[in-house]
Amino acid sequence: MATIVSFHAHPDDETIVTGGTMALASDGGHRVVAVFATRGELGEVGEGVLDESETLGDRRVVETQRSADVLGVQRIEFLGYLDSGMAGEATNHADGAFAAADVDEAAERLAAILRAEQADVLTIYDEHGNYGHPDHIQVHDVGMRAAELAGTERVYQATVSRQHFVRVAEENPDTMPDDTPDAEELDLGVDESLITTVVDVQSVLDRKRAAMAAHASQITPESFFLAMPDDIFAKAFGTEWFIRVGHDPADRETWIL
């Protein structure tokens, strides 16, 4: 059996781009470890969601454990950096912000986990961070360096097929929730010609959706993720995509382990 370490910027990110893959890996008897750069302290949260003495970071740690229980994640680690906020905000450069962290220093924190786990596979994000969020871009940079430091040879950059999401929106204009982001406007993912690995997660889609719902402070029942009809959700999120570093996209894979 193998060990997969899945590296993410904030709690809830793991469910969206790798949740199905993590669940399938766990079901297959593999060890699944989730590592988060931050606790997502700057996420948006509705009034009355948090208890009087509770911080958003504290809540998101609890939600992460709930998600992990659904997906079969055996270990959760936080690297201890602060959420940097969206691109262009002053918080991108704040002391302790992940986006402002020294890449080698942050990479060594992740590499220590990779060594301890004797990781066979590391998942990170594509070089654009899926949609340009500074913490997501830093996940790519730090993850690539950590793999070098730890000698982890199999690195998969979690991404999405831009064309796929455009097609789903175009084919289902009357059933997409109003707040569904425009894939082209968001500059989401990559051209599908760059993708090396396509994982069918339909068999665990109920758990992927339940893991999203576990992050209730960020993914509410009214959000487009959970408001989609079941058939549209299956079309949109029933596949997960990766770019395997050093692998020819012409030799397409259907699994990462």
Protein backbone atom coordinates (compact mmCIF):
# COMPACT_ATOMS: atom_id res chain seq x y z
CA MET A 1 0.00 0.00 0.00
CA ALA A 2 1.07 3.57 -0.69
CA THR A 3 0.96 6.88 1.20
CA ILE A 4 -0.46 9.98 -0.43
CA VAL A 5 0.12 13.42 1.06
CA SER A 6 -2.35 16.02 -0.22
CA PHE A 7 -1.21 19.62 0.32
CA HIS A 8 -3.74 22.45 0.38
CA ALA A 9 -3.95 26.15 1.13
CA HIS A 10 -7.08 26.30 3.29
CA PRO A 11 -9.60 23.94 4.86
CA ASP A 12 -12.33 23.03 2.31
CA ASP A 13 -9.90 23.18 -0.65
CA GLU A 14 -9.20 19.48 -0.20
CA THR A 15 -12.80 18.53 -0.90
CA ILE A 16 -13.20 20.47 -4.14
CA VAL A 17 -10.22 19.34 -6.22
CA THR A 18 -9.06 16.12 -4.53
CA GLY A 19 -11.86 14.91 -2.25
CA GLY A 20 -12.91 12.03 -4.47
CA THR A 21 -9.35 10.91 -5.09
CA MET A 22 -8.61 10.93 -1.38
CA ALA A 23 -11.73 8.87 -0.65
CA LEU A 24 -10.86 6.34 -3.35
CA ALA A 25 -7.29 6.07 -2.06
CA SER A 26 -8.51 5.45 1.48
CA ASP A 27 -11.03 2.87 0.28
CA GLY A 28 -8.19 1.11 -1.53
CA GLY A 29 -6.26 0.67 1.72
CA HIS A 30 -3.77 3.48 1.10
CA ARG A 31 -2.70 5.97 3.79
CA VAL A 32 -4.05 9.46 3.16
CA VAL A 33 -2.52 12.52 4.84
CA ALA A 34 -3.90 16.05 4.43
CA VAL A 35 -1.63 19.05 5.04
CA PHE A 36 -2.88 22.62 5.15
CA ALA A 37 -0.72 25.72 4.91
CA THR A 38 -3.23 27.83 6.86
CA ARG A 39 -6.38 27.51 8.91
CA GLY A 40 -8.29 29.80 6.55
CA GLU A 41 -8.66 32.60 9.09
CA LEU A 42 -9.73 35.17 6.46
CA GLY A 43 -12.57 33.24 4.90
CA GLU A 44 -15.98 34.86 4.71
CA VAL A 45 -18.45 33.80 7.37
CA GLY A 46 -22.06 34.75 7.95
CA GLU A 47 -23.30 36.53 11.04
CA GLY A 48 -24.15 34.19 13.90
CA VAL A 49 -22.26 31.22 12.49
CA LEU A 50 -19.48 31.34 15.09
CA ASP A 51 -19.93 30.99 18.81
CA GLU A 52 -19.18 34.09 20.87
CA SER A 53 -15.70 32.95 21.91
CA GLU A 54 -14.87 31.06 18.70
CA THR A 55 -12.53 32.22 15.93
CA LEU A 56 -13.02 31.28 12.30
CA GLY A 57 -9.68 29.49 12.33
CA ASP A 58 -10.80 27.34 15.25
CA ARG A 59 -14.07 26.50 13.51
CA ARG A 60 -12.32 25.55 10.29
CA VAL A 61 -10.01 23.15 12.12
CA VAL A 62 -13.07 21.37 13.52
CA GLU A 63 -14.66 21.29 10.07
CA THR A 64 -11.47 19.84 8.62
CA GLN A 65 -11.64 16.90 11.00
CA ARG A 66 -15.26 16.29 10.04
CA SER A 67 -14.31 16.32 6.37
CA ALA A 68 -11.37 14.00 7.03
CA ASP A 69 -13.65 11.53 8.77
CA VAL A 70 -15.88 11.45 5.69
CA LEU A 71 -13.02 11.02 3.22
CA GLY A 72 -10.98 8.53 5.26
CA VAL A 73 -8.01 10.82 5.91
CA GLN A 74 -5.78 9.30 8.60
CA ARG A 75 -3.68 12.35 9.50
CA ILE A 76 -4.18 16.11 9.37
CA GLU A 77 -1.39 18.66 9.75
CA PHE A 78 -1.30 22.47 9.61
CA LEU A 79 1.97 24.19 8.70
CA GLY A 80 1.15 27.19 10.89
CA TYR A 81 0.96 30.03 8.37
CA LEU A 82 -1.79 32.66 8.20
CA ASP A 83 -4.37 32.98 5.46
CA SER A 84 -3.16 35.62 3.00
CA GLY A 85 -6.57 36.69 1.71
CA MET A 86 -7.53 37.22 -1.91
CA ALA A 87 -5.10 38.55 -4.52
CA GLY A 88 -4.28 42.24 -4.19
CA GLU A 89 -5.18 42.58 -0.51
CA ALA A 90 -2.71 44.04 1.98
CA THR A 91 -2.89 40.78 3.94
CA ASN A 92 -0.93 39.10 1.14
CA HIS A 93 2.19 40.67 2.65
CA ALA A 94 1.38 40.46 6.36
CA ASP A 95 3.79 38.89 8.82
CA GLY A 96 3.16 35.17 8.91
CA ALA A 97 1.05 35.13 5.75
CA PHE A 98 1.63 32.02 3.68
CA ALA A 99 1.92 33.95 0.42
CA ALA A 100 4.77 35.98 1.93
CA ALA A 101 6.60 33.01 3.44
CA ASP A 102 10.10 32.03 2.39
CA VAL A 103 9.62 29.16 -0.03
CA ASP A 104 12.53 27.09 1.24
CA GLU A 105 11.47 27.49 4.87
CA ALA A 106 7.87 26.52 4.14
CA ALA A 107 9.01 23.68 1.92
CA GLU A 108 11.12 22.24 4.71
CA ARG A 109 8.08 22.15 6.99
CA LEU A 110 6.22 20.12 4.36
CA ALA A 111 9.27 18.03 3.50
CA ALA A 112 9.57 16.93 7.14
CA ILE A 113 6.09 15.44 6.88
CA LEU A 114 6.88 13.81 3.53
CA ARG A 115 9.97 12.18 5.01
CA ALA A 116 8.20 11.04 8.17
CA GLU A 117 5.40 9.52 6.12
CA GLN A 118 7.74 8.12 3.46
CA ALA A 119 5.26 9.59 1.01
CA ASP A 120 4.86 7.86 -2.33
CA VAL A 121 2.74 10.64 -3.85
CA LEU A 122 2.34 14.36 -3.20
CA THR A 123 -0.57 16.35 -4.60
CA ILE A 124 -0.30 20.13 -4.89
CA TYR A 125 -1.91 22.66 -7.30
CA ASP A 126 -1.06 23.76 -10.82
CA GLU A 127 1.29 26.72 -11.23
CA HIS A 128 -1.65 29.14 -11.49
CA GLY A 129 -3.06 27.87 -8.22
CA ASN A 130 -6.23 26.81 -10.07
CA TYR A 131 -7.57 30.38 -10.15
CA GLY A 132 -4.81 32.75 -9.11
CA HIS A 133 -5.26 32.87 -5.33
CA PRO A 134 -1.85 33.81 -3.84
CA ASP A 135 -1.97 31.03 -1.25
CA HIS A 136 -2.80 28.48 -3.95
CA ILE A 137 0.09 29.62 -6.12
CA GLN A 138 2.34 29.32 -3.07
CA VAL A 139 1.09 25.74 -2.54
CA HIS A 140 2.44 24.96 -6.00
CA ASP A 141 5.81 26.62 -5.39
CA VAL A 142 6.29 25.25 -1.88
CA GLY A 143 5.05 21.79 -2.85
CA MET A 144 7.41 21.50 -5.80
CA ARG A 145 10.36 22.50 -3.64
CA ALA A 146 9.32 20.19 -0.77
CA ALA A 147 9.20 17.23 -3.14
CA GLU A 148 12.79 18.01 -4.17
CA LEU A 149 13.95 18.28 -0.56
CA ALA A 150 12.24 15.06 0.51
CA GLY A 151 12.96 13.08 -2.64
CA THR A 152 9.25 12.49 -3.33
CA GLU A 153 9.29 11.53 -6.99
CA ARG A 154 5.60 11.34 -7.85
CA VAL A 155 4.06 14.79 -7.75
CA TYR A 156 0.56 15.50 -9.08
CA GLN A 157 -0.69 19.03 -9.58
CA ALA A 158 -4.43 19.08 -8.87
CA THR A 159 -6.21 21.22 -11.45
CA VAL A 160 -9.45 21.37 -13.42
CA SER A 161 -10.29 21.20 -17.09
CA ARG A 162 -11.40 24.68 -18.07
CA GLN A 163 -13.22 23.34 -21.12
CA HIS A 164 -15.15 20.86 -19.00
CA PHE A 165 -16.65 23.53 -16.76
CA VAL A 166 -17.45 25.75 -19.71
CA ARG A 167 -19.28 22.85 -21.37
CA VAL A 168 -21.26 22.01 -18.23
CA ALA A 169 -22.40 25.63 -17.91
CA GLU A 170 -23.28 25.94 -21.60
CA GLU A 171 -25.21 22.65 -21.68
CA ASN A 172 -27.18 23.37 -18.51
CA PRO A 173 -27.94 27.10 -18.50
CA ASP A 174 -31.29 26.79 -16.73
CA THR A 175 -30.17 24.56 -13.86
CA MET A 176 -26.88 26.15 -12.80
CA PRO A 177 -27.20 28.16 -9.56
CA ASP A 178 -27.08 31.91 -10.04
CA ASP A 179 -23.81 32.28 -8.10
CA THR A 180 -21.90 29.71 -10.19
CA PRO A 181 -18.63 31.39 -11.23
CA ASP A 182 -17.78 31.78 -14.90
CA ALA A 183 -14.83 29.47 -15.62
CA GLU A 184 -13.36 31.71 -18.31
CA GLU A 185 -13.84 34.92 -16.36
CA LEU A 186 -12.29 33.30 -13.28
CA ASP A 187 -9.40 31.99 -15.40
CA LEU A 188 -10.11 28.62 -13.86
CA GLY A 189 -7.84 25.60 -14.31
CA VAL A 190 -5.88 24.76 -17.43
CA ASP A 191 -6.42 23.77 -21.02
CA GLU A 192 -7.34 20.10 -20.98
CA SER A 193 -4.47 19.28 -23.36
CA LEU A 194 -2.09 19.77 -20.40
CA ILE A 195 -3.83 17.25 -18.17
CA THR A 196 -2.09 13.91 -17.69
CA THR A 197 -4.41 12.19 -15.22
CA VAL A 198 -8.20 11.97 -15.13
CA VAL A 199 -9.80 10.27 -12.12
CA ASP A 200 -13.45 9.17 -12.17
CA VAL A 201 -14.81 9.80 -8.66
CA GLN A 202 -18.49 9.10 -9.37
CA SER A 203 -18.48 6.10 -7.03
CA VAL A 204 -17.60 8.29 -4.03
CA LEU A 205 -19.40 11.44 -5.12
CA ASP A 206 -21.79 11.34 -2.18
CA ARG A 207 -18.83 11.47 0.19
CA LYS A 208 -17.15 14.25 -1.75
CA ARG A 209 -20.31 16.31 -1.44
CA ALA A 210 -20.68 15.42 2.26
CA ALA A 211 -17.08 16.49 2.85
CA MET A 212 -17.85 19.84 1.22
CA ALA A 213 -20.89 20.22 3.47
CA ALA A 214 -18.70 19.50 6.51
CA HIS A 215 -17.07 22.89 5.86
CA ALA A 216 -20.34 24.60 6.70
CA SER A 217 -18.82 27.96 7.61
CA GLN A 218 -17.60 28.32 4.01
CA ILE A 219 -19.78 26.05 1.88
CA THR A 220 -23.36 26.70 2.90
CA PRO A 221 -26.35 24.75 1.59
CA GLU A 222 -27.16 27.81 -0.53
CA SER A 223 -23.73 27.90 -2.19
CA PHE A 224 -23.48 26.80 -5.82
CA PHE A 225 -21.51 23.72 -4.74
CA LEU A 226 -24.39 22.29 -2.75
CA ALA A 227 -27.33 23.97 -4.49
CA MET A 228 -26.62 22.19 -7.79
CA PRO A 229 -29.09 19.43 -8.67
CA ASP A 230 -27.54 15.98 -8.16
CA ASP A 231 -27.14 15.29 -11.88
CA ILE A 232 -25.42 18.63 -12.52
CA PHE A 233 -23.17 18.18 -9.49
CA ALA A 234 -22.17 14.79 -10.87
CA LYS A 235 -21.31 16.32 -14.24
CA ALA A 236 -19.35 19.18 -12.68
CA PHE A 237 -17.52 17.38 -9.88
CA GLY A 238 -17.58 13.68 -10.79
CA THR A 239 -14.10 13.92 -12.32
CA GLU A 240 -10.83 15.13 -10.80
CA TRP A 241 -7.89 16.22 -12.90
CA PHE A 242 -4.13 16.27 -12.32
CA ILE A 243 -0.92 17.16 -14.09
CA ARG A 244 1.73 14.60 -13.17
CA VAL A 245 5.10 16.31 -13.10
CA GLY A 246 7.39 14.88 -15.79
CA HIS A 247 4.64 12.82 -17.43
CA ASP A 248 3.60 13.17 -21.06
CA PRO A 249 -0.06 14.27 -21.37
CA ALA A 250 -0.33 12.06 -24.44
CA ASP A 251 0.06 9.04 -22.17
CA ARG A 252 -3.05 9.71 -20.14
CA GLU A 253 -3.52 8.04 -16.74
CA THR A 254 -6.74 7.21 -14.88
CA TRP A 255 -5.31 6.94 -11.34
CA ILE A 256 -2.52 8.45 -9.25
CA LEU A 257 -1.40 5.39 -7.25
